[in-house]
Amino acid sequence: MKILLTGATGYIGKRLLPLLLAAEYQVICCVRDKNRFHYQGVNSRNLEVIEIDFLKKESLNKIPLNIDGAYYLMHSMSTQTDYKDLELLSAKNFKEKISETNVRHVIYLSGIVNEKSLSVHLSSRKAVEDELSKGNYSFTALRAGIIIGSGSASFEIIRDLVEKLPIMITPKWLNTKCQPIGIADVINILFRSLFNEKTYNKDFDIGGPDILSYKDMLLKFAKIRGLKRKIFVVPIMTPRLSSYWLYFVTSTSYKLAIALVESMKVEVICRNNSINNILEINPLTYEAALKNAFTKIETNEIISSWKDSLISGRFDVNISEYIHVPIFGCFIDKRMMQINNTEKTLDRIWKIGGECGWYYADFLWQLRGFIDKLAGGVGLRRGRSNPTSINTGDSIDFWRVLYADKAEKRLLLFAEMKLPGDAWLEFIIKDNYLIQTATFRPKGLWGRLYWFSVYPFHGFIFHGMLKNLTK
């Protein structure tokens, strides 16, 4: 049977795909940019990837007519102010096209929407659900609240807060109740609901057994990590101040912080657990989900991370549009140095950023990241998902990976920091030399002034980095 998987490069889609392939389904992955899709796994012979933009109706003609089931896993907390309209348009285009196929069952992962007053983000999820339910197929909506797993946005934000702040003065929404669920249970429910007639044309809330406030979640996290933490809730912190607090302390972007704060003021508690009875599932407790997440982190088995999604940075176009580094009208700092050991140099390049750092003057990189945070950029806090592996589309601190091919000995990064222009950083090993090239395409006078203001630092930063990579 053929399954259409949308959101295949997203946090949920990357984890659901291996289960579908292991079950011998033929899976058609819908992606906006093939350059961001990476998968090496069992039964990959049953895998097909098609490039589709659900906001562009004509691109949906690539969807085959003989599909049996489909997952709609596309969500957005986009930096665009009209993302609610865009999400609804995407859902409408999907519904109309998929209704023309032989599809029997469509599953949508939504959010828990049981309160009368919803945030923009949650009301958008509900609007998408309502639109998808009008299609010519059996429809199931699975509504989740906080998802806990290695690399999930919720987990990483909790981790940042607890591990960085021994004392927290927090906004009153920390008393809001929610019902977290482990990522393993979310994927299991998504997988086992497919073609289960008891789930047809129904919506279900999915959550773990614990109902906790966000404050409880932080304290339980601290307990597991063996940390003593004090949390004081104050009523005077406005939503804007709360967003700034979340943005500066955690790795989230400011726009995402605003969306999260709005949603965290709404209780997300399941109405019932009927889905657990239908599928015969006993979801993990919050503490068990946390321990699972740390096991994956410690063994470098993070399958997907929200930090690698485009919403974590400033990309709103396909990565492939930036992969060709311009020359005309650009400032270029190109350096090369002979290599003593090619394999060691290549391994160092593939470990760059994150906890490994940038091999020279890390305090200056950290300062640049702090300045970027102050300017509303991503800063250095995203780090990297895997300490040794790099794929196109990954985030590395305030860079986005445009191209990574270890066999070809080439790594190309694009800056997602706040800049008066566009910046690329490229590493290529050729003829026993490492060629390191920084390219900056300025925008207007400010861009040119910026380049000349930082140029004196390039001499020792880029030279020191190159020397340490090749020694």
Protein backbone atom coordinates (compact mmCIF):
# COMPACT_ATOMS: atom_id res chain seq x y z
CA MET A 1 0.00 0.00 0.00
CA LYS A 2 1.12 3.54 -0.75
CA ILE A 3 1.33 6.17 1.99
CA LEU A 4 1.76 9.89 1.34
CA LEU A 5 3.90 11.51 4.05
CA THR A 6 3.89 15.30 4.23
CA GLY A 7 6.29 17.11 6.54
CA ALA A 8 8.85 14.37 5.84
CA THR A 9 11.80 16.61 6.80
CA GLY A 10 10.12 17.76 10.01
CA TYR A 11 10.57 16.63 13.61
CA ILE A 12 7.66 14.13 13.53
CA GLY A 13 7.96 13.05 9.90
CA LYS A 14 11.59 11.97 10.22
CA ARG A 15 10.66 9.66 13.11
CA LEU A 16 7.53 8.20 11.56
CA LEU A 17 9.18 7.34 8.23
CA PRO A 18 11.32 4.39 9.50
CA LEU A 19 8.23 2.69 10.99
CA LEU A 20 6.29 3.00 7.75
CA LEU A 21 9.18 1.57 5.74
CA ALA A 22 9.74 -1.27 8.21
CA ALA A 23 6.05 -2.18 7.79
CA GLU A 24 6.69 -2.57 4.03
CA TYR A 25 4.56 0.40 3.03
CA GLN A 26 5.53 2.26 -0.12
CA VAL A 27 6.11 5.77 1.19
CA ILE A 28 5.94 8.90 -0.94
CA CYS A 29 7.59 11.77 0.92
CA CYS A 30 6.46 15.28 0.08
CA VAL A 31 9.21 17.87 0.61
CA ARG A 32 9.56 21.48 -0.45
CA ASP A 33 13.29 21.08 -1.09
CA LYS A 34 14.89 17.72 -1.93
CA ASN A 35 18.26 19.06 -0.77
CA ARG A 36 16.99 18.90 2.82
CA PHE A 37 15.85 15.28 2.65
CA HIS A 38 18.27 12.66 3.97
CA TYR A 39 17.46 9.09 4.81
CA GLN A 40 19.46 5.90 4.88
CA GLY A 41 17.41 3.06 6.34
CA VAL A 42 15.77 -0.30 5.80
CA ASN A 43 13.50 -0.85 2.82
CA SER A 44 14.57 2.39 1.18
CA ARG A 45 13.61 0.73 -2.11
CA ASN A 46 10.02 1.54 -1.08
CA LEU A 47 10.84 5.23 -0.72
CA GLU A 48 9.99 7.96 -3.22
CA VAL A 49 10.60 11.67 -2.76
CA ILE A 50 8.66 14.36 -4.61
CA GLU A 51 9.13 18.12 -4.41
CA ILE A 52 5.86 19.88 -3.58
CA ASP A 53 4.94 23.29 -2.24
CA PHE A 54 1.40 23.04 -0.88
CA LEU A 55 0.99 26.80 -1.25
CA LYS A 56 1.45 26.36 -5.02
CA LYS A 57 -1.51 24.39 -6.29
CA GLU A 58 0.08 23.39 -9.59
CA SER A 59 2.93 21.54 -7.82
CA LEU A 60 0.40 19.10 -6.27
CA ASN A 61 -0.06 17.42 -9.64
CA LYS A 62 2.99 15.29 -8.77
CA ILE A 63 0.92 13.41 -6.17
CA PRO A 64 -0.04 9.98 -7.61
CA LEU A 65 -3.67 8.95 -7.73
CA ASN A 66 -3.14 5.42 -6.39
CA ILE A 67 -2.29 6.28 -2.78
CA ASP A 68 -4.09 4.51 0.09
CA GLY A 69 -3.30 6.63 3.15
CA ALA A 70 -1.82 10.02 3.99
CA TYR A 71 -0.34 11.90 6.93
CA TYR A 72 -0.68 15.66 7.16
CA LEU A 73 2.18 16.72 9.44
CA MET A 74 2.75 20.28 8.28
CA HIS A 75 2.67 22.99 10.92
CA SER A 76 4.09 26.45 11.17
CA MET A 77 5.04 29.00 13.76
CA SER A 78 6.35 31.04 10.89
CA THR A 79 7.97 34.43 11.22
CA GLN A 80 5.34 35.66 8.75
CA THR A 81 2.43 37.47 10.39
CA ASP A 82 -0.10 35.86 8.04
CA TYR A 83 0.95 32.28 8.76
CA LYS A 84 -2.61 31.37 9.82
CA ASP A 85 -3.90 32.20 6.33
CA LEU A 86 -0.99 30.32 4.74
CA GLU A 87 -1.64 27.22 6.87
CA LEU A 88 -5.31 27.25 5.89
CA LEU A 89 -4.48 27.66 2.19
CA SER A 90 -2.01 24.76 2.38
CA ALA A 91 -4.65 22.54 4.02
CA LYS A 92 -7.27 23.50 1.46
CA ASN A 93 -4.96 22.70 -1.46
CA PHE A 94 -4.05 19.36 0.15
CA LYS A 95 -7.70 18.45 0.80
CA GLU A 96 -8.80 19.24 -2.75
CA LYS A 97 -5.97 17.33 -4.41
CA ILE A 98 -6.01 14.32 -2.08
CA SER A 99 -9.79 13.99 -2.56
CA GLU A 100 -9.13 13.29 -6.24
CA THR A 101 -7.01 10.24 -5.36
CA ASN A 102 -7.95 6.76 -4.10
CA VAL A 103 -6.94 7.65 -0.54
CA ARG A 104 -8.95 5.92 2.19
CA HIS A 105 -7.55 7.48 5.35
CA VAL A 106 -5.93 10.82 6.25
CA ILE A 107 -4.37 11.48 9.65
CA TYR A 108 -3.57 14.96 10.98
CA LEU A 109 -1.47 15.76 14.05
CA SER A 110 -3.13 18.77 15.63
CA GLY A 111 -3.03 20.51 19.00
CA ILE A 112 -5.30 20.13 22.04
CA VAL A 113 -8.00 22.78 21.63
CA ASN A 114 -10.45 22.32 24.49
CA GLU A 115 -10.40 25.89 25.84
CA LYS A 116 -12.83 28.56 24.62
CA SER A 117 -10.06 31.13 24.21
CA LEU A 118 -7.21 29.87 22.03
CA SER A 119 -3.91 31.35 20.93
CA VAL A 120 -3.39 32.25 17.27
CA HIS A 121 -1.24 29.16 16.89
CA LEU A 122 -3.82 26.76 18.38
CA SER A 123 -6.77 28.36 16.59
CA SER A 124 -4.83 27.92 13.34
CA ARG A 125 -4.40 24.22 14.09
CA LYS A 126 -8.15 23.92 14.71
CA ALA A 127 -8.97 25.74 11.46
CA VAL A 128 -6.69 23.38 9.52
CA GLU A 129 -8.36 20.39 11.20
CA ASP A 130 -11.81 21.65 10.24
CA GLU A 131 -10.71 22.15 6.63
CA LEU A 132 -9.12 18.72 6.30
CA SER A 133 -12.22 17.03 7.76
CA LYS A 134 -14.26 18.15 4.72
CA GLY A 135 -12.37 15.89 2.31
CA ASN A 136 -13.64 12.83 0.44
CA TYR A 137 -11.91 10.30 2.75
CA SER A 138 -11.98 8.98 6.30
CA PHE A 139 -10.27 11.50 8.56
CA THR A 140 -8.61 11.24 11.97
CA ALA A 141 -7.32 14.18 14.02
CA LEU A 142 -4.85 13.40 16.81
CA ARG A 143 -4.49 16.35 19.17
CA ALA A 144 -1.29 16.58 21.20
CA GLY A 145 -0.07 19.09 23.75
CA ILE A 146 3.55 19.27 24.89
CA ILE A 147 5.72 16.65 23.16
CA ILE A 148 8.76 15.47 25.12
CA GLY A 149 11.65 13.90 23.23
CA SER A 150 15.25 14.41 22.25
CA GLY A 151 15.37 17.43 19.97
CA SER A 152 11.76 18.54 20.53
CA ALA A 153 11.20 22.27 21.01
CA SER A 154 9.48 21.74 24.39
CA PHE A 155 12.25 19.50 25.70
CA GLU A 156 15.04 21.83 24.58
CA ILE A 157 13.37 24.90 26.08
CA ILE A 158 12.83 23.12 29.43
CA ARG A 159 16.43 21.93 29.30
CA ASP A 160 17.78 25.43 28.61
CA LEU A 161 15.78 26.97 31.46
CA VAL A 162 16.64 24.36 34.08
CA GLU A 163 20.30 23.85 33.27
CA LYS A 164 21.11 27.56 32.90
CA LEU A 165 19.10 29.18 35.70
CA PRO A 166 19.45 28.07 39.36
CA ILE A 167 16.86 30.71 40.33
CA MET A 168 13.97 31.67 38.05
CA ILE A 169 11.67 34.68 38.28
CA THR A 170 8.95 33.51 35.96
CA PRO A 171 5.65 34.70 34.42
CA LYS A 172 2.33 33.47 35.78
CA TRP A 173 1.71 31.16 32.82
CA LEU A 174 4.09 28.72 34.50
CA ASN A 175 1.08 27.72 36.60
CA THR A 176 -0.87 26.67 33.47
CA LYS A 177 -1.70 22.98 33.40
CA CYS A 178 -0.78 20.68 30.52
CA GLN A 179 -0.58 16.96 29.76
CA PRO A 180 2.80 16.15 28.17
CA ILE A 181 3.37 13.08 26.03
CA GLY A 182 6.59 11.32 25.01
CA ILE A 183 7.62 11.42 21.36
CA ALA A 184 7.76 7.59 21.20
CA ASP A 185 4.06 7.43 22.15
CA VAL A 186 3.14 10.11 19.59
CA ILE A 187 4.84 8.16 16.80
CA ASN A 188 3.29 4.88 18.00
CA ILE A 189 -0.21 6.39 18.03
CA LEU A 190 0.25 7.94 14.59
CA PHE A 191 1.46 4.63 13.17
CA ARG A 192 -1.15 2.38 14.78
CA SER A 193 -4.06 4.67 13.94
CA LEU A 194 -3.49 4.25 10.21
CA PHE A 195 -6.33 2.24 8.62
CA ASN A 196 -7.83 1.52 12.05
CA GLU A 197 -11.55 1.94 11.34
CA LYS A 198 -12.28 2.70 15.00
CA THR A 199 -10.44 6.01 14.52
CA TYR A 200 -12.24 7.02 11.31
CA ASN A 201 -13.93 10.43 11.25
CA LYS A 202 -13.06 11.15 14.87
CA ASP A 203 -10.71 13.38 16.82
CA PHE A 204 -8.70 12.25 19.85
CA ASP A 205 -6.64 14.04 22.48
CA ILE A 206 -3.35 12.27 23.10
CA GLY A 207 -1.30 12.74 26.26
CA GLY A 208 0.65 10.96 28.95
CA PRO A 209 -0.76 9.99 32.36
CA ASP A 210 0.53 13.13 34.15
CA ILE A 211 -1.28 16.46 34.37
CA LEU A 212 1.33 19.04 35.38
CA SER A 213 1.90 22.76 35.47
CA TYR A 214 4.88 24.08 33.51
CA LYS A 215 6.47 24.84 36.88
CA ASP A 216 6.05 21.18 37.90
CA MET A 217 7.65 20.11 34.64
CA LEU A 218 10.70 22.30 35.24
CA LEU A 219 11.13 21.05 38.81
CA LYS A 220 10.76 17.39 37.80
CA PHE A 221 13.36 17.93 35.09
CA ALA A 222 15.71 19.45 37.68
CA LYS A 223 15.16 16.49 40.00
CA ILE A 224 16.09 13.98 37.28
CA ARG A 225 19.23 15.98 36.47
CA GLY A 226 20.16 16.23 40.15
CA LEU A 227 19.88 20.04 40.17
CA LYS A 228 18.45 22.27 42.89
CA ARG A 229 16.26 24.97 41.41
CA LYS A 230 14.07 27.73 42.88
CA ILE A 231 11.17 29.10 40.87
CA PHE A 232 9.24 32.23 41.82
CA VAL A 233 6.12 33.09 39.83
CA VAL A 234 5.27 36.79 39.52
CA PRO A 235 2.04 38.24 38.07
CA ILE A 236 3.60 41.39 36.66
CA MET A 237 5.40 39.91 33.66
CA THR A 238 3.59 40.90 30.45
CA PRO A 239 3.38 38.58 27.40
CA ARG A 240 6.04 40.70 25.64
CA LEU A 241 8.36 40.53 28.65
CA SER A 242 7.70 36.78 28.91
CA SER A 243 8.65 36.38 25.25
CA TYR A 244 11.89 38.30 25.76
CA TRP A 245 12.67 36.17 28.83
CA LEU A 246 12.12 32.94 26.90
CA TYR A 247 14.06 34.23 23.88
CA PHE A 248 17.20 35.32 25.75
CA VAL A 249 17.46 32.28 28.03
CA THR A 250 16.62 29.54 25.51
CA SER A 251 17.58 28.69 21.93
CA THR A 252 14.21 29.68 20.50
CA SER A 253 13.77 32.58 18.06
CA TYR A 254 11.86 35.67 19.20
CA LYS A 255 8.92 35.07 16.83
CA LEU A 256 8.68 31.48 18.03
CA ALA A 257 8.91 32.65 21.66
CA ILE A 258 5.89 34.93 21.12
CA ALA A 259 3.85 32.05 19.65
CA LEU A 260 4.86 29.74 22.50
CA VAL A 261 4.00 32.24 25.23
CA GLU A 262 0.55 32.79 23.71
CA SER A 263 -0.05 29.04 23.61
CA MET A 264 1.35 28.42 27.11
CA LYS A 265 -1.39 30.58 28.59
CA VAL A 266 -3.95 28.01 27.40
CA GLU A 267 -4.50 24.75 29.29
CA VAL A 268 -3.86 21.69 27.11
CA ILE A 269 -5.44 18.77 28.98
CA CYS A 270 -6.94 15.70 27.32
CA ARG A 271 -10.71 15.19 27.47
CA ASN A 272 -10.36 11.40 27.73
CA ASN A 273 -7.96 8.58 26.94
CA SER A 274 -10.19 6.57 24.58
CA ILE A 275 -7.47 6.40 21.94
CA ASN A 276 -5.28 4.49 24.40
CA ASN A 277 -8.01 1.86 24.81
CA ILE A 278 -8.62 1.58 21.06
CA LEU A 279 -4.93 1.10 20.29
CA GLU A 280 -4.12 -0.71 23.57
CA ILE A 281 -1.37 1.77 24.45
CA ASN A 282 -0.12 2.86 27.88
CA PRO A 283 1.75 6.16 27.37
CA LEU A 284 4.93 6.83 29.34
CA THR A 285 5.00 9.14 32.33
CA TYR A 286 6.63 12.55 31.98
CA GLU A 287 9.70 11.41 33.93
CA ALA A 288 10.08 8.26 31.80
CA ALA A 289 9.84 10.36 28.61
CA LEU A 290 12.58 12.66 29.93
CA LYS A 291 14.85 9.73 30.73
CA ASN A 292 14.30 8.31 27.24
CA ALA A 293 15.26 11.68 25.74
CA PHE A 294 18.53 11.80 27.69
CA THR A 295 19.37 8.24 26.68
CA LYS A 296 19.07 9.27 23.02
CA ILE A 297 21.18 12.38 23.60
CA GLU A 298 23.93 10.51 25.44
CA THR A 299 24.18 7.90 22.66
CA ASN A 300 24.00 10.51 19.84
CA GLU A 301 20.79 8.96 18.50
CA ILE A 302 18.82 12.16 17.92
CA ILE A 303 16.82 11.34 14.78
CA SER A 304 15.36 14.82 14.37
CA SER A 305 15.55 18.20 16.08
CA TRP A 306 13.35 21.27 15.90
CA LYS A 307 16.55 23.36 15.68
CA ASP A 308 17.12 22.01 12.17
CA SER A 309 13.69 23.18 11.01
CA LEU A 310 13.70 26.38 8.98
CA ILE A 311 11.51 28.18 11.54
CA SER A 312 14.45 28.14 13.97
CA GLY A 313 16.26 30.64 11.74
CA ARG A 314 15.45 33.22 9.08
CA PHE A 315 15.06 31.02 6.00
CA ASP A 316 11.75 31.41 4.21
CA VAL A 317 12.88 30.08 0.82
CA ASN A 318 14.42 26.86 -0.44
CA ILE A 319 18.02 26.21 0.56
CA SER A 320 18.88 25.46 -3.07
CA GLU A 321 18.36 29.13 -3.92
CA TYR A 322 21.46 30.04 -1.90
CA ILE A 323 23.71 27.12 -2.77
CA HIS A 324 25.48 28.97 -5.60
CA VAL A 325 27.81 31.43 -3.89
CA PRO A 326 27.83 34.77 -5.75
CA ILE A 327 30.98 36.65 -6.75
CA PHE A 328 29.77 39.90 -8.34
CA GLY A 329 29.38 42.74 -5.84
CA CYS A 330 30.75 40.62 -2.99
CA PHE A 331 33.59 40.94 -0.50
CA ILE A 332 35.64 37.75 -0.35
CA ASP A 333 38.16 36.52 2.22
CA LYS A 334 39.86 33.47 0.73
CA ARG A 335 42.65 31.60 2.51
CA MET A 336 44.37 28.30 1.90
CA MET A 337 46.84 26.16 3.80
CA GLN A 338 48.58 22.87 3.15
CA ILE A 339 47.25 19.87 5.06
CA ASN A 340 49.34 17.45 7.07
CA ASN A 341 46.56 14.87 7.46
CA THR A 342 43.51 15.07 5.20
CA GLU A 343 41.31 12.72 7.24
CA LYS A 344 41.97 14.55 10.52
CA THR A 345 41.26 17.92 8.92
CA LEU A 346 38.06 16.63 7.38
CA ASP A 347 36.94 15.19 10.72
CA ARG A 348 37.63 18.54 12.41
CA ILE A 349 35.57 20.37 9.80
CA TRP A 350 32.68 17.93 10.31
CA LYS A 351 32.76 18.63 14.09
CA ILE A 352 32.80 22.41 13.76
CA GLY A 353 30.47 24.50 15.92
CA GLY A 354 28.31 23.42 18.84
CA GLU A 355 30.23 22.12 21.83
CA CYS A 356 33.38 21.69 19.71
CA GLY A 357 33.51 25.40 18.91
CA TRP A 358 35.20 27.16 16.00
CA TYR A 359 38.82 26.17 16.67
CA TYR A 360 40.03 29.69 17.36
CA ALA A 361 38.94 32.72 19.44
CA ASP A 362 35.72 31.05 20.60
CA PHE A 363 35.08 33.96 22.98
CA LEU A 364 34.74 36.25 19.95
CA TRP A 365 32.31 33.84 18.28
CA GLN A 366 30.30 33.81 21.53
CA LEU A 367 30.38 37.61 21.66
CA ARG A 368 29.11 37.76 18.08
CA GLY A 369 26.35 35.32 19.01
CA PHE A 370 25.37 37.46 22.02
CA ILE A 371 25.25 40.60 19.87
CA ASP A 372 23.10 38.71 17.37
CA LYS A 373 20.68 37.73 20.16
CA LEU A 374 20.42 41.37 21.23
CA ALA A 375 19.57 42.26 17.64
CA GLY A 376 16.83 39.62 17.51
CA GLY A 377 18.85 36.95 15.70
CA VAL A 378 19.35 33.26 16.42
CA GLY A 379 22.65 33.59 18.33
CA LEU A 380 24.83 30.57 19.04
CA ARG A 381 22.41 28.65 21.25
CA ARG A 382 21.06 26.29 18.60
CA GLY A 383 24.35 24.40 18.60
CA ARG A 384 24.10 21.28 16.44
CA SER A 385 21.99 18.11 16.61
CA ASN A 386 24.82 15.62 16.14
CA PRO A 387 28.47 16.18 17.17
CA THR A 388 29.97 14.40 14.14
CA SER A 389 27.33 14.14 11.42
CA ILE A 390 26.28 16.99 9.12
CA ASN A 391 23.49 17.03 6.53
CA THR A 392 22.20 19.69 4.20
CA GLY A 393 19.60 21.77 6.02
CA ASP A 394 21.07 21.26 9.51
CA SER A 395 21.67 24.23 11.78
CA ILE A 396 25.13 24.82 13.24
CA ASP A 397 25.02 27.69 15.73
CA PHE A 398 24.01 30.74 13.66
CA TRP A 399 24.76 29.00 10.34
CA ARG A 400 22.59 26.85 8.07
CA VAL A 401 24.19 24.00 6.14
CA LEU A 402 23.64 24.52 2.41
CA TYR A 403 25.83 21.67 1.21
CA ALA A 404 27.70 18.88 2.99
CA ASP A 405 29.49 16.06 1.20
CA LYS A 406 32.30 14.41 3.12
CA ALA A 407 33.36 12.27 0.14
CA GLU A 408 33.60 15.43 -1.95
CA LYS A 409 35.39 17.16 0.98
CA ARG A 410 33.14 20.22 0.84
CA LEU A 411 31.05 22.03 3.44
CA LEU A 412 29.08 25.20 2.65
CA LEU A 413 27.38 27.28 5.36
CA PHE A 414 25.02 30.26 5.14
CA ALA A 415 24.75 32.81 7.96
CA GLU A 416 21.35 33.13 9.64
CA MET A 417 22.51 35.85 12.00
CA LYS A 418 21.20 39.40 11.65
CA LEU A 419 23.35 41.03 8.96
CA PRO A 420 23.11 43.94 6.51
CA GLY A 421 23.67 41.42 3.72
CA ASP A 422 24.20 37.71 3.07
CA ALA A 423 27.22 35.66 4.18
CA TRP A 424 28.63 32.27 3.20
CA LEU A 425 31.47 30.24 4.74
CA GLU A 426 32.94 27.42 2.68
CA PHE A 427 35.52 24.70 3.35
CA ILE A 428 36.97 22.67 0.47
CA ILE A 429 39.88 20.24 0.52
CA LYS A 430 41.64 20.07 -2.84
CA ASP A 431 45.11 18.95 -3.91
CA ASN A 432 46.19 18.53 -0.28
CA TYR A 433 45.13 22.09 0.58
CA LEU A 434 42.27 23.36 2.71
CA ILE A 435 40.60 26.30 0.98
CA GLN A 436 38.54 28.41 3.38
CA THR A 437 36.38 31.14 1.82
CA ALA A 438 34.20 33.74 3.54
CA THR A 439 31.89 35.60 1.12
CA PHE A 440 29.76 38.61 2.04
CA ARG A 441 27.18 40.21 -0.26
CA PRO A 442 26.40 43.63 1.27
CA LYS A 443 23.04 45.35 1.17
CA GLY A 444 23.52 49.09 0.73
CA LEU A 445 25.93 51.36 2.54
CA TRP A 446 25.40 49.69 5.93
CA GLY A 447 26.50 46.37 4.50
CA ARG A 448 29.76 47.84 3.23
CA LEU A 449 30.42 49.63 6.52
CA TYR A 450 29.77 46.38 8.38
CA TRP A 451 32.31 44.46 6.28
CA PHE A 452 35.07 47.01 6.80
CA SER A 453 34.31 47.23 10.53
CA VAL A 454 34.78 43.47 11.06
CA TYR A 455 37.53 43.00 8.46
CA PRO A 456 40.40 43.67 10.92
CA PHE A 457 39.20 40.71 13.01
CA HIS A 458 39.16 38.36 10.02
CA GLY A 459 42.95 38.36 9.82
CA PHE A 460 43.53 36.51 13.06
CA ILE A 461 40.15 34.73 13.48
CA PHE A 462 40.06 33.10 10.04
CA HIS A 463 43.82 32.54 9.97
CA GLY A 464 43.76 30.94 13.43
CA MET A 465 40.78 28.74 12.50
CA LEU A 466 42.47 27.61 9.29
CA LYS A 467 45.74 26.86 11.08
CA ASN A 468 44.04 24.75 13.77
CA LEU A 469 41.97 22.85 11.23
CA THR A 470 45.04 21.83 9.26
CA LYS A 471 47.66 21.26 11.96
